[in-house]
Amino acid sequence: MPDTPPSAPRYLTPGQVAELLAVPVEEVVALVHEGRLRGAQLGSPPRWRVEEASVNDYLEDQTEIARRAALWHQSENASFPEVWGPAPRIQR
């Protein structure tokens, strides 16, 4: 079976990304400048395009951050007996 070349990355406009993330377009461009989304200015005149895969990666990262924050919050609210069970009785 012949090897098929990988498909070219799909690019989205900042407006499309903003709609997916429910944020302003300016925030999308800021995320690109911060390196949290992969994007480039393409064409003439140059217009921002964001790699779709980087949007998926960003969403996965944000989901993981939220999951860890929720676990940390739960651990702060738990008492030792809830987490570890009751203390063992020491017989004398």
PDB file of N, CA and C in Angstrom:
ATOM      1  N   MET A   1       0.849  -1.178   0.000  1.00  0.00           N
ATOM      2  CA  MET A   1       0.000   0.000   0.000  1.00  0.00           C
ATOM      3  C   MET A   1       0.892   1.237   0.000  1.00  0.00           C
ATOM      4  N   PRO A   2       0.686   2.167  -0.911  1.00  0.00           N
ATOM      5  CA  PRO A   2       1.553   3.343  -0.980  1.00  0.00           C
ATOM      6  C   PRO A   2       1.324   4.256   0.220  1.00  0.00           C
ATOM      7  N   ASP A   3       2.421   4.874   0.637  1.00  0.00           N
ATOM      8  CA  ASP A   3       2.320   5.845   1.730  1.00  0.00           C
ATOM      9  C   ASP A   3       1.655   7.107   1.207  1.00  0.00           C
ATOM     10  N   THR A   4       0.681   7.577   1.959  1.00  0.00           N
ATOM     11  CA  THR A   4       0.031   8.827   1.570  1.00  0.00           C
ATOM     12  C   THR A   4       0.678   9.953   2.360  1.00  0.00           C
ATOM     13  N   PRO A   5       0.985  11.047   1.711  1.00  0.00           N
ATOM     14  CA  PRO A   5       1.606  12.153   2.435  1.00  0.00           C
ATOM     15  C   PRO A   5       0.621  12.731   3.446  1.00  0.00           C
ATOM     16  N   PRO A   6       1.148  13.218   4.568  1.00  0.00           N
ATOM     17  CA  PRO A   6       0.243  13.820   5.550  1.00  0.00           C
ATOM     18  C   PRO A   6      -0.451  15.029   4.943  1.00  0.00           C
ATOM     19  N   SER A   7      -1.690  15.219   5.331  1.00  0.00           N
ATOM     20  CA  SER A   7      -2.433  16.357   4.789  1.00  0.00           C
ATOM     21  C   SER A   7      -1.902  17.654   5.394  1.00  0.00           C
ATOM     22  N   ALA A   8      -2.041  18.703   4.655  1.00  0.00           N
ATOM     23  CA  ALA A   8      -1.597  20.012   5.124  1.00  0.00           C
ATOM     24  C   ALA A   8      -2.476  20.445   6.288  1.00  0.00           C
ATOM     25  N   PRO A   9      -1.886  21.173   7.231  1.00  0.00           N
ATOM     26  CA  PRO A   9      -2.703  21.632   8.356  1.00  0.00           C
ATOM     27  C   PRO A   9      -3.832  22.531   7.880  1.00  0.00           C
ATOM     28  N   ARG A  10      -4.937  22.451   8.570  1.00  0.00           N
ATOM     29  CA  ARG A  10      -6.081  23.306   8.256  1.00  0.00           C
ATOM     30  C   ARG A  10      -5.960  24.583   9.079  1.00  0.00           C
ATOM     31  N   TYR A  11      -6.214  25.699   8.448  1.00  0.00           N
ATOM     32  CA  TYR A  11      -6.112  26.990   9.118  1.00  0.00           C
ATOM     33  C   TYR A  11      -7.482  27.633   9.251  1.00  0.00           C
ATOM     34  N   LEU A  12      -7.667  28.322  10.367  1.00  0.00           N
ATOM     35  CA  LEU A  12      -8.915  29.024  10.666  1.00  0.00           C
ATOM     36  C   LEU A  12      -8.628  30.513  10.796  1.00  0.00           C
ATOM     37  N   THR A  13      -9.634  31.309  10.543  1.00  0.00           N
ATOM     38  CA  THR A  13      -9.497  32.748  10.768  1.00  0.00           C
ATOM     39  C   THR A  13      -9.618  33.020  12.264  1.00  0.00           C
ATOM     40  N   PRO A  14      -9.080  34.135  12.737  1.00  0.00           N
ATOM     41  CA  PRO A  14      -9.260  34.483  14.143  1.00  0.00           C
ATOM     42  C   PRO A  14     -10.740  34.559  14.539  1.00  0.00           C
ATOM     43  N   GLY A  15     -11.595  34.993  13.611  1.00  0.00           N
ATOM     44  CA  GLY A  15     -13.031  35.050  13.897  1.00  0.00           C
ATOM     45  C   GLY A  15     -13.619  33.671  14.144  1.00  0.00           C
ATOM     46  N   GLN A  16     -13.187  32.689  13.349  1.00  0.00           N
ATOM     47  CA  GLN A  16     -13.675  31.321  13.545  1.00  0.00           C
ATOM     48  C   GLN A  16     -13.198  30.766  14.885  1.00  0.00           C
ATOM     49  N   VAL A  17     -11.935  31.026  15.214  1.00  0.00           N
ATOM     50  CA  VAL A  17     -11.388  30.554  16.487  1.00  0.00           C
ATOM     51  C   VAL A  17     -12.101  31.241  17.647  1.00  0.00           C
ATOM     52  N   ALA A  18     -12.326  32.546  17.513  1.00  0.00           N
ATOM     53  CA  ALA A  18     -13.021  33.296  18.563  1.00  0.00           C
ATOM     54  C   ALA A  18     -14.402  32.714  18.818  1.00  0.00           C
ATOM     55  N   GLU A  19     -15.085  32.339  17.758  1.00  0.00           N
ATOM     56  CA  GLU A  19     -16.414  31.742  17.904  1.00  0.00           C
ATOM     57  C   GLU A  19     -16.327  30.390  18.615  1.00  0.00           C
ATOM     58  N   LEU A  20     -15.337  29.579  18.249  1.00  0.00           N
ATOM     59  CA  LEU A  20     -15.172  28.268  18.891  1.00  0.00           C
ATOM     60  C   LEU A  20     -14.862  28.395  20.380  1.00  0.00           C
ATOM     61  N   LEU A  21     -14.030  29.389  20.720  1.00  0.00           N
ATOM     62  CA  LEU A  21     -13.601  29.558  22.107  1.00  0.00           C
ATOM     63  C   LEU A  21     -14.491  30.508  22.902  1.00  0.00           C
ATOM     64  N   ALA A  22     -15.415  31.171  22.228  1.00  0.00           N
ATOM     65  CA  ALA A  22     -16.306  32.153  22.865  1.00  0.00           C
ATOM     66  C   ALA A  22     -15.505  33.272  23.535  1.00  0.00           C
ATOM     67  N   VAL A  23     -14.548  33.811  22.777  1.00  0.00           N
ATOM     68  CA  VAL A  23     -13.725  34.926  23.242  1.00  0.00           C
ATOM     69  C   VAL A  23     -13.651  35.964  22.123  1.00  0.00           C
ATOM     70  N   PRO A  24     -13.229  37.190  22.443  1.00  0.00           N
ATOM     71  CA  PRO A  24     -13.068  38.199  21.390  1.00  0.00           C
ATOM     72  C   PRO A  24     -11.911  37.848  20.442  1.00  0.00           C
ATOM     73  N   VAL A  25     -11.985  38.346  19.231  1.00  0.00           N
ATOM     74  CA  VAL A  25     -10.934  38.115  18.231  1.00  0.00           C
ATOM     75  C   VAL A  25      -9.582  38.601  18.753  1.00  0.00           C
ATOM     76  N   GLU A  26      -9.583  39.720  19.460  1.00  0.00           N
ATOM     77  CA  GLU A  26      -8.334  40.267  19.995  1.00  0.00           C
ATOM     78  C   GLU A  26      -7.650  39.276  20.934  1.00  0.00           C
ATOM     79  N   GLU A  27      -8.437  38.524  21.682  1.00  0.00           N
ATOM     80  CA  GLU A  27      -7.856  37.528  22.587  1.00  0.00           C
ATOM     81  C   GLU A  27      -7.223  36.378  21.804  1.00  0.00           C
ATOM     82  N   VAL A  28      -7.819  36.018  20.686  1.00  0.00           N
ATOM     83  CA  VAL A  28      -7.243  34.969  19.833  1.00  0.00           C
ATOM     84  C   VAL A  28      -5.872  35.416  19.333  1.00  0.00           C
ATOM     85  N   VAL A  29      -5.784  36.638  18.841  1.00  0.00           N
ATOM     86  CA  VAL A  29      -4.504  37.159  18.346  1.00  0.00           C
ATOM     87  C   VAL A  29      -3.494  37.225  19.491  1.00  0.00           C
ATOM     88  N   ALA A  30      -3.938  37.615  20.681  1.00  0.00           N
ATOM     89  CA  ALA A  30      -3.044  37.647  21.843  1.00  0.00           C
ATOM     90  C   ALA A  30      -2.533  36.242  22.171  1.00  0.00           C
ATOM     91  N   LEU A  31      -3.398  35.228  22.077  1.00  0.00           N
ATOM     92  CA  LEU A  31      -2.974  33.846  22.332  1.00  0.00           C
ATOM     93  C   LEU A  31      -1.926  33.396  21.319  1.00  0.00           C
ATOM     94  N   VAL A  32      -2.042  33.862  20.084  1.00  0.00           N
ATOM     95  CA  VAL A  32      -1.026  33.550  19.065  1.00  0.00           C
ATOM     96  C   VAL A  32       0.291  34.229  19.436  1.00  0.00           C
ATOM     97  N   HIS A  33       0.228  35.506  19.821  1.00  0.00           N
ATOM     98  CA  HIS A  33       1.446  36.233  20.199  1.00  0.00           C
ATOM     99  C   HIS A  33       2.117  35.596  21.412  1.00  0.00           C
ATOM    100  N   GLU A  34       1.321  35.066  22.343  1.00  0.00           N
ATOM    101  CA  GLU A  34       1.861  34.411  23.540  1.00  0.00           C
ATOM    102  C   GLU A  34       2.410  33.018  23.237  1.00  0.00           C
ATOM    103  N   GLY A  35       2.123  32.497  22.054  1.00  0.00           N
ATOM    104  CA  GLY A  35       2.583  31.157  21.699  1.00  0.00           C
ATOM    105  C   GLY A  35       1.670  30.045  22.175  1.00  0.00           C
ATOM    106  N   ARG A  36       0.505  30.398  22.680  1.00  0.00           N
ATOM    107  CA  ARG A  36      -0.434  29.380  23.169  1.00  0.00           C
ATOM    108  C   ARG A  36      -1.262  28.799  22.029  1.00  0.00           C
ATOM    109  N   LEU A  37      -1.347  29.514  20.918  1.00  0.00           N
ATOM    110  CA  LEU A  37      -1.938  29.024  19.670  1.00  0.00           C
ATOM    111  C   LEU A  37      -0.896  29.220  18.575  1.00  0.00           C
ATOM    112  N   ARG A  38      -0.848  28.282  17.635  1.00  0.00           N
ATOM    113  CA  ARG A  38       0.074  28.411  16.506  1.00  0.00           C
ATOM    114  C   ARG A  38      -0.644  29.121  15.362  1.00  0.00           C
ATOM    115  N   GLY A  39      -0.054  30.197  14.900  1.00  0.00           N
ATOM    116  CA  GLY A  39      -0.658  30.939  13.811  1.00  0.00           C
ATOM    117  C   GLY A  39       0.381  31.731  13.053  1.00  0.00           C
ATOM    118  N   ALA A  40      -0.036  32.279  11.933  1.00  0.00           N
ATOM    119  CA  ALA A  40       0.860  33.074  11.100  1.00  0.00           C
ATOM    120  C   ALA A  40       0.031  34.046  10.283  1.00  0.00           C
ATOM    121  N   GLN A  41       0.691  35.087   9.836  1.00  0.00           N
ATOM    122  CA  GLN A  41       0.051  36.021   8.922  1.00  0.00           C
ATOM    123  C   GLN A  41       0.356  35.546   7.508  1.00  0.00           C
ATOM    124  N   LEU A  42      -0.689  35.213   6.769  1.00  0.00           N
ATOM    125  CA  LEU A  42      -0.548  34.659   5.426  1.00  0.00           C
ATOM    126  C   LEU A  42      -1.236  35.550   4.413  1.00  0.00           C
ATOM    127  N   GLY A  43      -0.757  35.494   3.179  1.00  0.00           N
ATOM    128  CA  GLY A  43      -1.409  36.202   2.083  1.00  0.00           C
ATOM    129  C   GLY A  43      -0.926  37.624   1.928  1.00  0.00           C
ATOM    130  N   SER A  44      -1.550  38.300   0.975  1.00  0.00           N
ATOM    131  CA  SER A  44      -1.228  39.687   0.703  1.00  0.00           C
ATOM    132  C   SER A  44      -2.537  40.429   0.450  1.00  0.00           C
ATOM    133  N   PRO A  45      -2.957  41.329   1.298  1.00  0.00           N
ATOM    134  CA  PRO A  45      -2.275  41.734   2.516  1.00  0.00           C
ATOM    135  C   PRO A  45      -2.311  40.606   3.556  1.00  0.00           C
ATOM    136  N   PRO A  46      -1.315  40.593   4.454  1.00  0.00           N
ATOM    137  CA  PRO A  46      -1.259  39.504   5.429  1.00  0.00           C
ATOM    138  C   PRO A  46      -2.462  39.505   6.365  1.00  0.00           C
ATOM    139  N   ARG A  47      -2.996  38.315   6.571  1.00  0.00           N
ATOM    140  CA  ARG A  47      -4.120  38.125   7.501  1.00  0.00           C
ATOM    141  C   ARG A  47      -3.781  36.938   8.395  1.00  0.00           C
ATOM    142  N   TRP A  48      -4.178  37.061   9.663  1.00  0.00           N
ATOM    143  CA  TRP A  48      -3.895  35.990  10.609  1.00  0.00           C
ATOM    144  C   TRP A  48      -4.657  34.726  10.249  1.00  0.00           C
ATOM    145  N   ARG A  49      -3.964  33.601  10.385  1.00  0.00           N
ATOM    146  CA  ARG A  49      -4.571  32.280  10.269  1.00  0.00           C
ATOM    147  C   ARG A  49      -4.028  31.450  11.421  1.00  0.00           C
ATOM    148  N   VAL A  50      -4.906  30.664  12.029  1.00  0.00           N
ATOM    149  CA  VAL A  50      -4.547  29.864  13.198  1.00  0.00           C
ATOM    150  C   VAL A  50      -4.685  28.395  12.834  1.00  0.00           C
ATOM    151  N   GLU A  51      -3.668  27.612  13.169  1.00  0.00           N
ATOM    152  CA  GLU A  51      -3.689  26.187  12.870  1.00  0.00           C
ATOM    153  C   GLU A  51      -4.764  25.503  13.717  1.00  0.00           C
ATOM    154  N   GLU A  52      -5.665  24.789  13.053  1.00  0.00           N
ATOM    155  CA  GLU A  52      -6.786  24.150  13.745  1.00  0.00           C
ATOM    156  C   GLU A  52      -6.306  23.185  14.828  1.00  0.00           C
ATOM    157  N   ALA A  53      -5.255  22.436  14.558  1.00  0.00           N
ATOM    158  CA  ALA A  53      -4.746  21.475  15.546  1.00  0.00           C
ATOM    159  C   ALA A  53      -4.310  22.181  16.826  1.00  0.00           C
ATOM    160  N   SER A  54      -3.787  23.406  16.707  1.00  0.00           N
ATOM    161  CA  SER A  54      -3.360  24.121  17.909  1.00  0.00           C
ATOM    162  C   SER A  54      -4.557  24.551  18.752  1.00  0.00           C
ATOM    163  N   VAL A  55      -5.692  24.792  18.109  1.00  0.00           N
ATOM    164  CA  VAL A  55      -6.911  25.118  18.857  1.00  0.00           C
ATOM    165  C   VAL A  55      -7.341  23.896  19.665  1.00  0.00           C
ATOM    166  N   ASN A  56      -7.293  22.720  19.052  1.00  0.00           N
ATOM    167  CA  ASN A  56      -7.634  21.488  19.770  1.00  0.00           C
ATOM    168  C   ASN A  56      -6.670  21.246  20.925  1.00  0.00           C
ATOM    169  N   ASP A  57      -5.369  21.469  20.697  1.00  0.00           N
ATOM    170  CA  ASP A  57      -4.375  21.314  21.764  1.00  0.00           C
ATOM    171  C   ASP A  57      -4.652  22.289  22.902  1.00  0.00           C
ATOM    172  N   TYR A  58      -4.979  23.527  22.556  1.00  0.00           N
ATOM    173  CA  TYR A  58      -5.270  24.549  23.563  1.00  0.00           C
ATOM    174  C   TYR A  58      -6.477  24.140  24.410  1.00  0.00           C
ATOM    175  N   LEU A  59      -7.524  23.646  23.753  1.00  0.00           N
ATOM    176  CA  LEU A  59      -8.718  23.213  24.486  1.00  0.00           C
ATOM    177  C   LEU A  59      -8.401  22.044  25.409  1.00  0.00           C
ATOM    178  N   GLU A  60      -7.592  21.102  24.944  1.00  0.00           N
ATOM    179  CA  GLU A  60      -7.195  19.976  25.796  1.00  0.00           C
ATOM    180  C   GLU A  60      -6.397  20.468  26.997  1.00  0.00           C
ATOM    181  N   ASP A  61      -5.475  21.410  26.785  1.00  0.00           N
ATOM    182  CA  ASP A  61      -4.688  21.971  27.884  1.00  0.00           C
ATOM    183  C   ASP A  61      -5.585  22.672  28.898  1.00  0.00           C
ATOM    184  N   GLN A  62      -6.534  23.468  28.414  1.00  0.00           N
ATOM    185  CA  GLN A  62      -7.433  24.189  29.316  1.00  0.00           C
ATOM    186  C   GLN A  62      -8.324  23.225  30.095  1.00  0.00           C
ATOM    187  N   THR A  63      -8.751  22.144  29.451  1.00  0.00           N
ATOM    188  CA  THR A  63      -9.563  21.131  30.128  1.00  0.00           C
ATOM    189  C   THR A  63      -8.762  20.469  31.237  1.00  0.00           C
ATOM    190  N   GLU A  64      -7.507  20.151  30.962  1.00  0.00           N
ATOM    191  CA  GLU A  64      -6.648  19.523  31.971  1.00  0.00           C
ATOM    192  C   GLU A  64      -6.397  20.468  33.142  1.00  0.00           C
ATOM    193  N   ILE A  65      -6.173  21.739  32.857  1.00  0.00           N
ATOM    194  CA  ILE A  65      -5.977  22.725  33.924  1.00  0.00           C
ATOM    195  C   ILE A  65      -7.223  22.808  34.804  1.00  0.00           C
ATOM    196  N   ALA A  66      -8.394  22.838  34.187  1.00  0.00           N
ATOM    197  CA  ALA A  66      -9.649  22.901  34.949  1.00  0.00           C
ATOM    198  C   ALA A  66      -9.848  21.634  35.776  1.00  0.00           C
ATOM    199  N   ARG A  67      -9.503  20.473  35.206  1.00  0.00           N
ATOM    200  CA  ARG A  67      -9.642  19.209  35.931  1.00  0.00           C
ATOM    201  C   ARG A  67      -8.742  19.197  37.162  1.00  0.00           C
ATOM    202  N   ARG A  68      -7.502  19.628  36.997  1.00  0.00           N
ATOM    203  CA  ARG A  68      -6.567  19.650  38.128  1.00  0.00           C
ATOM    204  C   ARG A  68      -7.006  20.645  39.195  1.00  0.00           C
ATOM    205  N   ALA A  69      -7.519  21.800  38.765  1.00  0.00           N
ATOM    206  CA  ALA A  69      -7.998  22.798  39.729  1.00  0.00           C
ATOM    207  C   ALA A  69      -9.171  22.246  40.530  1.00  0.00           C
ATOM    208  N   ALA A  70     -10.065  21.521  39.868  1.00  0.00           N
ATOM    209  CA  ALA A  70     -11.211  20.934  40.568  1.00  0.00           C
ATOM    210  C   ALA A  70     -10.747  19.887  41.573  1.00  0.00           C
ATOM    211  N   LEU A  71      -9.786  19.062  41.194  1.00  0.00           N
ATOM    212  CA  LEU A  71      -9.260  18.057  42.126  1.00  0.00           C
ATOM    213  C   LEU A  71      -8.586  18.722  43.316  1.00  0.00           C
ATOM    214  N   TRP A  72      -7.828  19.777  43.056  1.00  0.00           N
ATOM    215  CA  TRP A  72      -7.165  20.493  44.143  1.00  0.00           C
ATOM    216  C   TRP A  72      -8.205  21.110  45.078  1.00  0.00           C
ATOM    217  N   HIS A  73      -9.245  21.696  44.514  1.00  0.00           N
ATOM    218  CA  HIS A  73     -10.302  22.298  45.324  1.00  0.00           C
ATOM    219  C   HIS A  73     -10.982  21.231  46.181  1.00  0.00           C
ATOM    220  N   GLN A  74     -11.242  20.073  45.593  1.00  0.00           N
ATOM    221  CA  GLN A  74     -11.851  18.978  46.356  1.00  0.00           C
ATOM    222  C   GLN A  74     -10.940  18.544  47.493  1.00  0.00           C
ATOM    223  N   SER A  75      -9.642  18.474  47.248  1.00  0.00           N
ATOM    224  CA  SER A  75      -8.718  18.019  48.286  1.00  0.00           C
ATOM    225  C   SER A  75      -8.629  19.030  49.419  1.00  0.00           C
ATOM    226  N   GLU A  76      -8.772  20.319  49.116  1.00  0.00           N
ATOM    227  CA  GLU A  76      -8.750  21.338  50.161  1.00  0.00           C
ATOM    228  C   GLU A  76      -9.975  21.224  51.063  1.00  0.00           C
ATOM    229  N   ASN A  77     -11.081  20.760  50.513  1.00  0.00           N
ATOM    230  CA  ASN A  77     -12.315  20.660  51.283  1.00  0.00           C
ATOM    231  C   ASN A  77     -12.459  19.331  52.010  1.00  0.00           C
ATOM    232  N   ALA A  78     -11.599  18.382  51.706  1.00  0.00           N
ATOM    233  CA  ALA A  78     -11.709  17.060  52.324  1.00  0.00           C
ATOM    234  C   ALA A  78     -10.940  17.039  53.639  1.00  0.00           C
ATOM    235  N   SER A  79     -11.481  16.329  54.601  1.00  0.00           N
ATOM    236  CA  SER A  79     -10.770  16.152  55.858  1.00  0.00           C
ATOM    237  C   SER A  79      -9.951  14.867  55.766  1.00  0.00           C
ATOM    238  N   PHE A  80      -8.992  14.709  56.657  1.00  0.00           N
ATOM    239  CA  PHE A  80      -8.160  13.506  56.611  1.00  0.00           C
ATOM    240  C   PHE A  80      -8.971  12.226  56.733  1.00  0.00           C
ATOM    241  N   PRO A  81      -9.942  12.136  57.643  1.00  0.00           N
ATOM    242  CA  PRO A  81     -10.724  10.892  57.704  1.00  0.00           C
ATOM    243  C   PRO A  81     -11.474  10.601  56.407  1.00  0.00           C
ATOM    244  N   GLU A  82     -11.931  11.640  55.720  1.00  0.00           N
ATOM    245  CA  GLU A  82     -12.624  11.412  54.446  1.00  0.00           C
ATOM    246  C   GLU A  82     -11.674  10.844  53.402  1.00  0.00           C
ATOM    247  N   VAL A  83     -10.441  11.310  53.424  1.00  0.00           N
ATOM    248  CA  VAL A  83      -9.473  10.877  52.426  1.00  0.00           C
ATOM    249  C   VAL A  83      -8.838   9.548  52.801  1.00  0.00           C
ATOM    250  N   TRP A  84      -8.395   9.426  54.050  1.00  0.00           N
ATOM    251  CA  TRP A  84      -7.609   8.263  54.462  1.00  0.00           C
ATOM    252  C   TRP A  84      -8.394   7.266  55.300  1.00  0.00           C
ATOM    253  N   GLY A  85      -9.598   7.610  55.679  1.00  0.00           N
ATOM    254  CA  GLY A  85     -10.366   6.726  56.551  1.00  0.00           C
ATOM    255  C   GLY A  85     -10.082   7.070  58.007  1.00  0.00           C
ATOM    256  N   PRO A  86     -10.823   6.465  58.915  1.00  0.00           N
ATOM    257  CA  PRO A  86     -10.622   6.777  60.334  1.00  0.00           C
ATOM    258  C   PRO A  86      -9.242   6.305  60.800  1.00  0.00           C
ATOM    259  N   ALA A  87      -8.750   6.990  61.810  1.00  0.00           N
ATOM    260  CA  ALA A  87      -7.441   6.632  62.364  1.00  0.00           C
ATOM    261  C   ALA A  87      -7.524   5.259  63.018  1.00  0.00           C
ATOM    262  N   PRO A  88      -6.473   4.462  62.884  1.00  0.00           N
ATOM    263  CA  PRO A  88      -6.489   3.143  63.523  1.00  0.00           C
ATOM    264  C   PRO A  88      -6.457   3.295  65.037  1.00  0.00           C
ATOM    265  N   ARG A  89      -7.112   2.393  65.719  1.00  0.00           N
ATOM    266  CA  ARG A  89      -7.121   2.412  67.185  1.00  0.00           C
ATOM    267  C   ARG A  89      -5.874   1.707  67.692  1.00  0.00           C
ATOM    268  N   ILE A  90      -5.248   2.338  68.618  1.00  0.00           N
ATOM    269  CA  ILE A  90      -4.057   1.752  69.226  1.00  0.00           C
ATOM    270  C   ILE A  90      -4.476   1.172  70.564  1.00  0.00           C
ATOM    271  N   GLN A  91      -4.249  -0.100  70.724  1.00  0.00           N
ATOM    272  CA  GLN A  91      -4.609  -0.752  71.985  1.00  0.00           C
ATOM    273  C   GLN A  91      -3.409  -0.727  72.913  1.00  0.00           C
ATOM    274  N   ARG A  92      -3.696  -0.434  74.156  1.00  0.00           N
ATOM    275  CA  ARG A  92      -2.625  -0.388  75.160  1.00  0.00           C
ATOM    276  C   ARG A  92      -2.818  -1.458  76.158  1.00  0.00           C
TER     277      ARG A  92
END
